[in-house]
Amino acid sequence: MELVVSLVWLAADVFLLLIIGYAAYYALRRVSRYSEPLNRLVKITAISLILATLGRALDIVDDFSMNPSLRNAISNAEFVLYFFAIAGTIYGILNYMSNIEKRMFPAPEIPVGKSRLNPGAFLLITESCDLLSLLKGLESPTLLITRNPHEYNDLPDNVSVVWITPSAEKGIPPTKLHVLLEGAVKFLREGGRVVIIDCVETLLIYNEFKSVFRFLTALKDNVVSSGGTLVLVVGKDTMERRELNVLMREFLLVENVESLFKTSS
């Protein structure tokens, strides 16, 4: 066997082999180090990189081969290895992203009864509101978007909580209004019936009022069209009067939590 490519080409092949091989070694050393779903991504990545490393090794062998039949066999083997390496990498990334999204926006539990709340979009302005009691009394799938999830302990299985935070891995940054909207709409499409937001003021700190208003009205349209209930909980004297007036044009103002519940006819 003799070299059938230029030295520069050979050097590039060797360089790529070393890089991919080191990446495979790096990933293998980290298998079982992390929790799911990151650990699954590391495993899939390690396997994909090992396949790619074998493909690069065969490519170097091909650099010294002059036998047409051998070169053809090597080419076929490289194609198979690279195919599964690329497919595995794509699958690993998409699977990881899907699991992260599910953790941020859990799928609603199967409804155990009809919604006890009136359908529509409501604005509740209050100094103090016992949302925990409200949430525990709901039987339909409910999504709570809040800045303080630690205030809501022992919630029933039908209530999913989304944490609004600029730093936590399990939460959603307050500036990602489009992510919140997509997650809430997905929740509704999967059977969700109630969406409660108790952190409008936090969203306004990080975004302009126009952006927050567009987000809330878009969410309202999706909730109303699905026959569900959207409740905005706002603290008294925490927003400018002009902004409240704009919200009250889109959301029905209610005086207390009891007003949200259906009344028997």
Protein backbone atom coordinates (compact mmCIF):
# COMPACT_ATOMS: atom_id res chain seq x y z
CA MET A 1 0.00 0.00 0.00
CA GLU A 2 1.18 3.50 -0.77
CA LEU A 3 -0.19 6.99 -0.22
CA VAL A 4 -2.61 7.93 -3.00
CA VAL A 5 -3.55 11.41 -1.71
CA SER A 6 -1.51 14.48 -0.90
CA LEU A 7 0.18 14.90 2.46
CA VAL A 8 -2.08 17.86 3.21
CA TRP A 9 -5.15 15.69 2.61
CA LEU A 10 -3.72 12.95 4.84
CA ALA A 11 -2.90 15.45 7.56
CA ALA A 12 -6.47 16.76 7.46
CA ASP A 13 -7.85 13.21 7.76
CA VAL A 14 -5.59 12.46 10.73
CA PHE A 15 -6.48 15.76 12.38
CA LEU A 16 -10.22 15.04 12.06
CA LEU A 17 -9.69 11.51 13.38
CA LEU A 18 -7.97 12.87 16.49
CA ILE A 19 -10.60 15.52 17.11
CA ILE A 20 -13.57 13.17 16.71
CA GLY A 21 -11.81 10.43 18.65
CA TYR A 22 -11.11 12.78 21.56
CA ALA A 23 -14.73 13.98 21.51
CA ALA A 24 -15.89 10.34 21.70
CA TYR A 25 -13.53 9.69 24.62
CA TYR A 26 -14.72 12.88 26.34
CA ALA A 27 -18.38 11.84 25.99
CA LEU A 28 -17.72 8.27 27.16
CA ARG A 29 -16.09 9.56 30.34
CA ARG A 30 -19.30 11.43 31.13
CA VAL A 31 -21.80 8.63 30.64
CA SER A 32 -23.94 8.16 33.77
CA ARG A 33 -22.58 11.37 35.25
CA TYR A 34 -25.73 13.39 34.64
CA SER A 35 -29.43 12.91 35.25
CA GLU A 36 -31.98 12.30 32.52
CA PRO A 37 -32.56 13.50 29.87
CA LEU A 38 -28.99 14.86 29.61
CA ASN A 39 -27.48 11.45 30.32
CA ARG A 40 -29.41 9.94 27.39
CA LEU A 41 -28.04 12.65 25.12
CA VAL A 42 -24.49 11.95 26.30
CA LYS A 43 -24.89 8.20 25.60
CA ILE A 44 -26.28 8.75 22.11
CA THR A 45 -23.59 11.33 21.37
CA ALA A 46 -20.83 8.99 22.54
CA ILE A 47 -22.09 6.15 20.32
CA SER A 48 -22.45 8.49 17.33
CA LEU A 49 -18.92 9.84 17.81
CA ILE A 50 -17.48 6.32 18.07
CA LEU A 51 -19.10 5.44 14.74
CA ALA A 52 -17.75 8.65 13.23
CA THR A 53 -14.27 7.83 14.58
CA LEU A 54 -14.37 4.42 12.90
CA GLY A 55 -15.43 6.14 9.70
CA ARG A 56 -12.46 8.51 9.87
CA ALA A 57 -10.11 5.59 10.53
CA LEU A 58 -11.38 3.84 7.41
CA ASP A 59 -10.92 7.06 5.48
CA ILE A 60 -7.23 7.05 6.41
CA VAL A 61 -6.93 3.44 5.29
CA ASP A 62 -8.55 4.53 2.01
CA ASP A 63 -5.81 7.15 1.59
CA PHE A 64 -3.31 4.30 1.13
CA SER A 65 -5.44 1.96 -0.96
CA MET A 66 -5.08 1.55 -4.73
CA ASN A 67 -7.29 -1.53 -5.04
CA PRO A 68 -10.63 -0.46 -6.60
CA SER A 69 -12.63 -3.23 -4.95
CA LEU A 70 -11.12 -2.45 -1.54
CA ARG A 71 -11.77 1.28 -1.99
CA ASN A 72 -15.37 0.53 -2.92
CA ALA A 73 -15.84 -1.66 0.17
CA ILE A 74 -14.31 1.02 2.39
CA SER A 75 -16.56 3.67 0.83
CA ASN A 76 -19.66 1.59 1.53
CA ALA A 77 -18.58 0.97 5.11
CA GLU A 78 -17.89 4.69 5.62
CA PHE A 79 -21.35 5.57 4.31
CA VAL A 80 -23.02 3.20 6.79
CA LEU A 81 -20.96 4.49 9.72
CA TYR A 82 -21.51 8.16 8.89
CA PHE A 83 -25.22 7.57 8.23
CA PHE A 84 -25.82 6.14 11.70
CA ALA A 85 -23.49 8.70 13.31
CA ILE A 86 -25.39 11.62 11.81
CA ALA A 87 -28.81 10.02 12.39
CA GLY A 88 -27.89 9.27 16.01
CA THR A 89 -26.70 12.82 16.62
CA ILE A 90 -29.89 14.30 15.16
CA TYR A 91 -32.08 11.91 17.16
CA GLY A 92 -30.18 12.66 20.38
CA ILE A 93 -30.53 16.42 20.02
CA LEU A 94 -34.23 16.32 19.09
CA ASN A 95 -35.00 13.85 21.88
CA TYR A 96 -33.20 16.06 24.41
CA MET A 97 -35.05 19.18 23.25
CA SER A 98 -38.38 17.36 23.40
CA ASN A 99 -37.74 16.17 26.96
CA ILE A 100 -36.68 19.64 28.11
CA GLU A 101 -39.87 21.12 26.65
CA LYS A 102 -41.96 18.47 28.40
CA ARG A 103 -40.30 19.32 31.70
CA MET A 104 -40.99 23.03 31.22
CA PHE A 105 -44.54 22.50 29.99
CA PRO A 106 -45.86 19.16 31.31
CA ALA A 107 -48.73 17.59 29.41
CA PRO A 108 -52.06 18.05 31.21
CA GLU A 109 -53.49 15.23 33.24
CA ILE A 110 -56.62 13.49 31.94
CA PRO A 111 -59.65 15.53 33.00
CA VAL A 112 -61.55 14.06 35.94
CA GLY A 113 -64.50 16.38 35.58
CA LYS A 114 -65.89 19.44 33.86
CA SER A 115 -64.33 22.82 34.59
CA ARG A 116 -65.89 24.55 37.56
CA LEU A 117 -64.82 27.97 36.27
CA ASN A 118 -66.71 30.18 33.88
CA PRO A 119 -65.22 30.11 30.39
CA GLY A 120 -63.57 33.30 29.18
CA ALA A 121 -60.74 35.68 30.08
CA PHE A 122 -60.74 37.40 33.47
CA LEU A 123 -58.72 40.00 35.35
CA LEU A 124 -58.59 39.67 39.13
CA ILE A 125 -57.16 42.69 40.97
CA THR A 126 -56.61 41.95 44.63
CA GLU A 127 -54.39 42.71 47.61
CA SER A 128 -54.40 39.09 48.70
CA CYS A 129 -55.71 36.05 46.91
CA ASP A 130 -55.73 32.47 48.13
CA LEU A 131 -54.80 30.93 44.78
CA LEU A 132 -53.68 27.73 46.47
CA SER A 133 -57.22 26.97 47.63
CA LEU A 134 -58.52 27.84 44.17
CA LEU A 135 -56.05 25.51 42.48
CA LYS A 136 -56.78 22.65 44.85
CA GLY A 137 -60.48 23.02 44.14
CA LEU A 138 -60.14 22.70 40.38
CA GLU A 139 -60.67 19.33 38.75
CA SER A 140 -59.84 20.20 35.14
CA PRO A 141 -56.27 20.34 33.73
CA THR A 142 -54.78 23.67 34.83
CA LEU A 143 -51.58 25.51 33.92
CA LEU A 144 -50.19 27.94 36.51
CA ILE A 145 -47.60 30.47 35.29
CA THR A 146 -45.96 31.99 38.34
CA ARG A 147 -42.88 33.75 39.66
CA ASN A 148 -43.10 31.96 43.01
CA PRO A 149 -43.76 28.23 42.61
CA HIS A 150 -42.60 27.58 46.18
CA GLU A 151 -45.82 29.24 47.39
CA TYR A 152 -47.87 26.45 45.85
CA ASN A 153 -47.13 23.19 47.63
CA ASP A 154 -49.03 19.91 47.46
CA LEU A 155 -50.91 20.79 44.30
CA PRO A 156 -53.14 18.11 42.74
CA ASP A 157 -51.89 16.20 39.70
CA ASN A 158 -54.13 18.13 37.34
CA VAL A 159 -52.17 21.36 37.98
CA SER A 160 -48.95 21.96 36.05
CA VAL A 161 -46.63 24.78 37.16
CA VAL A 162 -44.35 26.90 34.96
CA TRP A 163 -41.72 28.88 36.81
CA ILE A 164 -40.90 32.34 35.45
CA THR A 165 -37.24 32.94 36.28
CA PRO A 166 -34.21 34.42 34.50
CA SER A 167 -31.80 31.79 35.79
CA ALA A 168 -33.26 28.35 36.58
CA GLU A 169 -32.86 25.52 34.08
CA LYS A 170 -36.35 24.25 34.77
CA GLY A 171 -37.99 27.64 34.32
CA ILE A 172 -38.78 30.07 31.51
CA PRO A 173 -37.04 33.46 31.28
CA PRO A 174 -39.58 36.31 31.54
CA THR A 175 -38.33 37.75 28.25
CA LYS A 176 -39.27 34.58 26.32
CA LEU A 177 -42.91 35.47 25.81
CA HIS A 178 -43.09 33.48 22.58
CA VAL A 179 -41.95 30.36 24.44
CA LEU A 180 -44.63 30.90 27.08
CA LEU A 181 -47.27 31.33 24.40
CA GLU A 182 -46.21 28.21 22.49
CA GLY A 183 -46.14 26.15 25.68
CA ALA A 184 -49.55 27.37 26.85
CA VAL A 185 -51.12 26.78 23.44
CA LYS A 186 -49.64 23.27 23.36
CA PHE A 187 -51.10 22.67 26.84
CA LEU A 188 -54.55 23.73 25.60
CA ARG A 189 -54.34 21.55 22.50
CA GLU A 190 -53.52 18.53 24.66
CA GLY A 191 -56.64 18.99 26.76
CA GLY A 192 -55.81 21.84 29.15
CA ARG A 193 -58.80 23.88 30.31
CA VAL A 194 -57.52 26.59 32.66
CA VAL A 195 -54.53 28.95 32.50
CA ILE A 196 -53.72 31.16 35.49
CA ILE A 197 -51.00 33.84 35.43
CA ASP A 198 -50.07 35.51 38.73
CA CYS A 199 -46.90 37.24 37.54
CA VAL A 200 -48.03 39.87 35.04
CA GLU A 201 -46.03 42.48 36.97
CA THR A 202 -42.85 40.41 36.57
CA LEU A 203 -43.39 40.15 32.82
CA LEU A 204 -43.78 43.93 32.67
CA ILE A 205 -40.48 44.46 34.45
CA TYR A 206 -38.61 42.59 31.72
CA ASN A 207 -40.73 43.58 28.71
CA GLU A 208 -42.52 46.58 27.31
CA PHE A 209 -46.26 46.76 27.99
CA LYS A 210 -47.06 46.41 24.26
CA SER A 211 -45.18 43.10 24.08
CA VAL A 212 -46.86 41.73 27.20
CA PHE A 213 -50.27 42.89 25.97
CA ARG A 214 -49.77 41.17 22.62
CA PHE A 215 -48.78 37.99 24.44
CA LEU A 216 -51.81 38.11 26.75
CA THR A 217 -54.32 38.83 23.99
CA ALA A 218 -52.89 36.06 21.79
CA LEU A 219 -53.14 33.66 24.73
CA LYS A 220 -56.68 34.89 25.45
CA ASP A 221 -57.76 34.16 21.87
CA ASN A 222 -56.44 30.61 22.10
CA VAL A 223 -58.02 29.97 25.50
CA VAL A 224 -61.42 31.39 24.53
CA SER A 225 -61.49 29.53 21.20
CA SER A 226 -60.89 26.27 23.09
CA GLY A 227 -63.68 27.00 25.57
CA GLY A 228 -61.27 27.34 28.47
CA THR A 229 -60.60 29.90 31.18
CA LEU A 230 -57.77 32.43 31.45
CA VAL A 231 -57.25 34.27 34.74
CA LEU A 232 -54.80 37.13 35.25
CA VAL A 233 -54.09 37.85 38.90
CA VAL A 234 -52.71 41.35 39.46
CA GLY A 235 -51.79 42.96 42.76
CA LYS A 236 -53.58 46.14 43.72
CA ASP A 237 -51.62 49.33 42.88
CA THR A 238 -48.85 47.34 41.17
CA MET A 239 -49.64 48.58 37.65
CA GLU A 240 -50.21 51.97 36.11
CA ARG A 241 -53.85 52.92 35.72
CA ARG A 242 -53.48 53.41 31.99
CA GLU A 243 -52.15 49.86 31.55
CA LEU A 244 -54.95 48.44 33.72
CA ASN A 245 -57.54 50.24 31.62
CA VAL A 246 -56.11 48.66 28.48
CA LEU A 247 -56.24 45.21 30.08
CA MET A 248 -59.82 45.73 31.24
CA ARG A 249 -60.87 46.26 27.63
CA GLU A 250 -59.82 42.69 26.86
CA PHE A 251 -60.34 40.92 30.19
CA LEU A 252 -63.48 40.88 32.31
CA LEU A 253 -62.79 42.40 35.71
CA VAL A 254 -63.86 40.21 38.66
CA GLU A 255 -63.88 41.27 42.30
CA ASN A 256 -62.95 37.98 43.94
CA VAL A 257 -62.12 34.32 43.32
CA GLU A 258 -65.71 33.25 43.96
CA SER A 259 -66.83 35.25 40.92
CA LEU A 260 -64.83 32.93 38.68
CA PHE A 261 -66.89 29.88 39.55
CA LYS A 262 -70.01 28.83 37.74
CA THR A 263 -73.28 29.39 39.55
CA SER A 264 -76.00 26.78 39.54
CA SER A 265 -79.07 27.79 37.60
